[in-house]
Amino acid sequence: MKILMVLTSHDQLGDTGKKTGFWLEEFAAPYYVFKDAGADITLASPLGGQPPLDPKSDDPSAQTAATLRFKTDEASIAHLAATHKLADIEPADFDAVFYPGGHGPLWDLAEDAKSISLIETMFAAGKPVAAVCHAPGIFRHTRAANGEPLVKGRRVTGFTNTEEEGVQLTSIVPFLVEDMLKANGGDYSKGPDWAPYALVDGHLVTGQNPASSELVAHELLGLLKA
């Protein structure tokens, strides 16, 4: 069971001068779900090496059992610090792909040609493709085999407009995940803000927010074991 996790390399929060990146919980929780299930995990990012951590996800208030476990796991810390370059990744080598969120993916992974190709190739091959929180932004330009937007007609979720308003970044992000998924024809739905909510449509798995990350990982595992 070989799972690829793709993280952002983008660390600038628009023109605010503040930092962004990946959200720690959205990486750590799925990582340990996969690791504890015996999966062979490969980590990748557009630039390779250490992906940038959104500093807000490192606040004491944002810590969970998974993030605390990660902070004392030297082997996993070293694993994360040495992500492969996305350009060197071959979709055929993996059984599934998972994208953690954080605001970073809205700037780089949503526009990255290699990421778009990876998603399209794995999806066309019937392999599970999963994304949580802001990471469903990666589907902005992805297409299904028929040329239509990949999410068109599919049940999807992602970070809500009201959650974006809650973190006061509506005018900062390049696009709103909820609006984009709807514009691409996705059958978008959501649960209460900040509560776990995940959807499975065929081999596409999406989660709404950080609290949904572990749930999405378990759904992906379920597809691999089906």
Protein backbone atom coordinates (compact mmCIF):
# COMPACT_ATOMS: atom_id res chain seq x y z
CA MET A 1 0.00 0.00 0.00
CA LYS A 2 1.92 2.98 -1.31
CA ILE A 3 0.50 6.41 -0.50
CA LEU A 4 1.82 9.70 -1.82
CA MET A 5 1.29 12.85 0.25
CA VAL A 6 1.79 16.14 -1.60
CA LEU A 7 2.48 19.32 0.37
CA THR A 8 2.74 22.95 -0.64
CA SER A 9 6.02 24.82 -1.10
CA HIS A 10 4.37 28.26 -0.93
CA ASP A 11 5.02 30.33 2.19
CA GLN A 12 3.71 33.85 1.43
CA LEU A 13 0.20 34.85 2.47
CA GLY A 14 -0.59 37.04 -0.52
CA ASP A 15 0.90 40.51 -0.12
CA THR A 16 0.30 40.67 3.64
CA GLY A 17 3.95 40.04 4.50
CA LYS A 18 2.78 37.13 6.67
CA LYS A 19 3.74 33.50 6.31
CA THR A 20 1.60 30.55 5.29
CA GLY A 21 2.24 26.97 4.18
CA PHE A 22 0.72 23.60 5.08
CA TRP A 23 -1.46 23.08 8.14
CA LEU A 24 0.24 20.79 10.65
CA GLU A 25 -2.87 18.89 11.79
CA GLU A 26 -3.86 18.18 8.19
CA PHE A 27 -0.50 16.53 7.59
CA ALA A 28 0.12 14.85 10.94
CA ALA A 29 -3.27 13.21 11.47
CA PRO A 30 -3.44 11.50 8.04
CA TYR A 31 0.26 10.67 8.15
CA TYR A 32 -0.21 8.62 11.31
CA VAL A 33 -3.44 7.04 10.09
CA PHE A 34 -1.48 5.79 7.07
CA LYS A 35 1.66 4.90 9.01
CA ASP A 36 -0.23 2.98 11.68
CA ALA A 37 -2.01 1.04 8.91
CA GLY A 38 1.37 -0.09 7.57
CA ALA A 39 1.39 2.09 4.47
CA ASP A 40 4.56 3.01 2.63
CA ILE A 41 4.40 6.82 2.63
CA THR A 42 6.22 9.07 0.17
CA LEU A 43 6.22 12.84 0.70
CA ALA A 44 6.55 15.34 -2.15
CA SER A 45 6.31 19.08 -2.77
CA PRO A 46 6.89 21.33 -5.79
CA LEU A 47 10.33 22.47 -4.58
CA GLY A 48 11.31 19.39 -2.58
CA GLY A 49 12.96 19.55 0.82
CA GLN A 50 11.31 21.07 3.88
CA PRO A 51 7.81 22.36 3.11
CA PRO A 52 6.80 25.58 4.89
CA LEU A 53 4.63 25.22 7.97
CA ASP A 54 1.81 27.70 8.49
CA PRO A 55 2.85 29.27 11.80
CA LYS A 56 -0.75 29.53 13.00
CA SER A 57 -1.03 25.75 12.83
CA ASP A 58 1.82 25.57 15.33
CA ASP A 59 -0.05 27.63 17.95
CA PRO A 60 -0.73 25.81 21.22
CA SER A 61 -4.48 26.15 20.55
CA ALA A 62 -4.15 24.22 17.28
CA GLN A 63 -2.40 21.17 18.72
CA THR A 64 -3.94 17.70 18.63
CA ALA A 65 -2.79 14.25 19.65
CA ALA A 66 -1.35 13.76 16.16
CA THR A 67 0.59 17.03 16.09
CA LEU A 68 2.00 16.40 19.56
CA ARG A 69 3.05 12.92 18.48
CA PHE A 70 4.76 14.37 15.42
CA LYS A 71 6.73 16.91 17.43
CA THR A 72 8.49 14.12 19.33
CA ASP A 73 8.90 11.77 16.35
CA GLU A 74 12.41 12.47 15.07
CA ALA A 75 12.20 9.98 12.20
CA SER A 76 9.00 11.54 10.87
CA ILE A 77 10.37 15.07 11.30
CA ALA A 78 13.36 14.05 9.18
CA HIS A 79 11.02 12.41 6.64
CA LEU A 80 9.08 15.66 6.24
CA ALA A 81 12.26 17.72 5.91
CA ALA A 82 13.32 15.73 2.85
CA THR A 83 10.27 15.72 0.57
CA HIS A 84 10.84 14.62 -3.01
CA LYS A 85 10.46 17.11 -5.83
CA LEU A 86 7.03 16.71 -7.36
CA ALA A 87 8.57 16.71 -10.84
CA ASP A 88 10.37 13.44 -9.97
CA ILE A 89 7.22 11.61 -8.92
CA GLU A 90 5.69 8.91 -11.11
CA PRO A 91 1.94 8.35 -10.57
CA ALA A 92 2.28 4.67 -11.51
CA ASP A 93 4.38 4.10 -8.38
CA PHE A 94 1.50 4.85 -6.00
CA ASP A 95 -1.86 3.41 -5.01
CA ALA A 96 -3.35 6.71 -3.76
CA VAL A 97 -2.56 10.38 -3.23
CA PHE A 98 -3.47 12.68 -0.34
CA TYR A 99 -3.18 16.47 -0.28
CA PRO A 100 -3.05 18.24 3.12
CA GLY A 101 -4.32 21.80 3.16
CA GLY A 102 -3.25 25.09 4.62
CA HIS A 103 -3.54 28.21 2.49
CA GLY A 104 -0.32 27.50 0.58
CA PRO A 105 -1.84 25.10 -2.00
CA LEU A 106 -4.15 27.85 -3.28
CA TRP A 107 -1.11 29.61 -4.71
CA ASP A 108 1.15 26.81 -5.92
CA LEU A 109 -0.48 23.37 -6.15
CA ALA A 110 -3.70 24.69 -7.68
CA GLU A 111 -1.65 26.05 -10.59
CA ASP A 112 1.15 23.45 -10.72
CA ALA A 113 1.17 21.56 -14.05
CA LYS A 114 2.85 18.49 -12.52
CA SER A 115 0.28 18.33 -9.73
CA ILE A 116 -2.59 18.72 -12.18
CA SER A 117 -1.19 15.94 -14.36
CA LEU A 118 -0.60 13.70 -11.34
CA ILE A 119 -4.19 14.08 -10.15
CA GLU A 120 -5.65 13.52 -13.60
CA THR A 121 -3.50 10.44 -14.20
CA MET A 122 -4.22 8.81 -10.85
CA PHE A 123 -7.91 9.60 -11.03
CA ALA A 124 -8.18 8.19 -14.54
CA ALA A 125 -6.48 5.03 -13.29
CA GLY A 126 -9.13 4.60 -10.61
CA LYS A 127 -6.78 5.35 -7.74
CA PRO A 128 -8.07 7.23 -4.67
CA VAL A 129 -7.42 10.98 -4.73
CA ALA A 130 -8.00 12.82 -1.44
CA ALA A 131 -7.76 16.45 -0.34
CA VAL A 132 -8.73 18.25 2.84
CA CYS A 133 -9.63 21.84 3.82
CA HIS A 134 -7.97 24.25 1.34
CA ALA A 135 -6.38 21.39 -0.59
CA PRO A 136 -9.51 20.78 -2.72
CA GLY A 137 -8.32 24.00 -4.37
CA ILE A 138 -5.98 21.67 -6.31
CA PHE A 139 -8.98 20.71 -8.46
CA ARG A 140 -9.28 24.21 -9.91
CA HIS A 141 -7.82 23.23 -13.29
CA THR A 142 -8.02 19.42 -13.23
CA ARG A 143 -10.04 17.67 -15.92
CA ALA A 144 -11.69 14.29 -16.21
CA ALA A 145 -11.06 12.07 -19.23
CA ASN A 146 -14.04 13.64 -21.01
CA GLY A 147 -12.50 17.10 -20.77
CA GLU A 148 -14.98 18.37 -18.20
CA PRO A 149 -13.82 19.69 -14.80
CA LEU A 150 -12.85 16.70 -12.69
CA VAL A 151 -15.26 17.64 -9.90
CA LYS A 152 -18.24 18.26 -12.21
CA GLY A 153 -21.24 16.30 -10.99
CA ARG A 154 -19.29 14.84 -8.09
CA ARG A 155 -20.09 15.22 -4.41
CA VAL A 156 -17.34 17.40 -2.95
CA THR A 157 -16.58 19.61 0.02
CA GLY A 158 -13.78 21.94 1.10
CA PHE A 159 -13.08 24.98 3.24
CA THR A 160 -16.29 27.00 3.39
CA ASN A 161 -16.74 30.66 2.56
CA THR A 162 -17.86 31.29 6.13
CA GLU A 163 -14.79 29.53 7.55
CA GLU A 164 -12.61 31.74 5.33
CA GLU A 165 -14.48 34.76 6.65
CA GLY A 166 -13.85 33.45 10.16
CA VAL A 167 -10.08 33.60 9.64
CA GLN A 168 -10.43 37.00 7.90
CA LEU A 169 -8.67 35.97 4.70
CA THR A 170 -11.52 36.21 2.18
CA SER A 171 -9.94 39.19 0.44
CA ILE A 172 -6.40 37.76 0.63
CA VAL A 173 -6.71 34.31 -0.94
CA PRO A 174 -6.52 34.01 -4.76
CA PHE A 175 -9.90 32.25 -4.82
CA LEU A 176 -12.46 30.76 -2.44
CA VAL A 177 -12.50 26.96 -2.38
CA GLU A 178 -16.28 26.69 -1.99
CA ASP A 179 -16.97 29.09 -4.85
CA MET A 180 -14.46 27.39 -7.15
CA LEU A 181 -15.83 23.90 -6.56
CA LYS A 182 -19.34 25.14 -7.31
CA ALA A 183 -18.18 27.04 -10.40
CA ASN A 184 -16.54 23.85 -11.70
CA GLY A 185 -19.83 22.00 -11.40
CA GLY A 186 -19.14 20.17 -8.17
CA ASP A 187 -22.10 19.02 -6.08
CA TYR A 188 -20.80 20.97 -3.10
CA SER A 189 -22.07 20.46 0.42
CA LYS A 190 -20.78 21.23 3.89
CA GLY A 191 -21.30 20.56 7.54
CA PRO A 192 -21.16 23.05 10.42
CA ASP A 193 -18.11 25.31 10.38
CA TRP A 194 -15.04 23.70 12.00
CA ALA A 195 -16.75 20.32 12.51
CA PRO A 196 -15.57 17.11 10.82
CA TYR A 197 -17.17 16.57 7.41
CA ALA A 198 -15.96 14.38 4.56
CA LEU A 199 -17.44 13.10 1.32
CA VAL A 200 -16.61 10.12 -0.85
CA ASP A 201 -17.68 10.05 -4.49
CA GLY A 202 -16.23 7.01 -6.22
CA HIS A 203 -12.50 7.28 -5.58
CA LEU A 204 -12.56 11.03 -4.87
CA VAL A 205 -12.41 11.97 -1.17
CA THR A 206 -12.68 15.53 0.14
CA GLY A 207 -12.80 17.03 3.62
CA GLN A 208 -14.04 20.41 4.77
CA ASN A 209 -11.54 21.67 7.34
CA PRO A 210 -8.67 20.68 9.67
CA ALA A 211 -11.02 18.68 11.90
CA SER A 212 -11.87 16.53 8.88
CA SER A 213 -8.32 15.41 8.10
CA GLU A 214 -8.30 12.15 10.04
CA LEU A 215 -11.75 11.25 8.70
CA VAL A 216 -10.59 11.79 5.11
CA ALA A 217 -7.54 9.60 5.72
CA HIS A 218 -9.71 6.76 7.04
CA GLU A 219 -12.02 7.09 4.03
CA LEU A 220 -9.03 6.83 1.71
CA LEU A 221 -7.81 3.72 3.52
CA GLY A 222 -11.27 2.25 3.21
CA LEU A 223 -11.13 2.64 -0.55
CA LEU A 224 -7.71 0.98 -0.71
CA LYS A 225 -8.93 -1.97 1.36
CA ALA A 226 -12.22 -2.37 -0.54
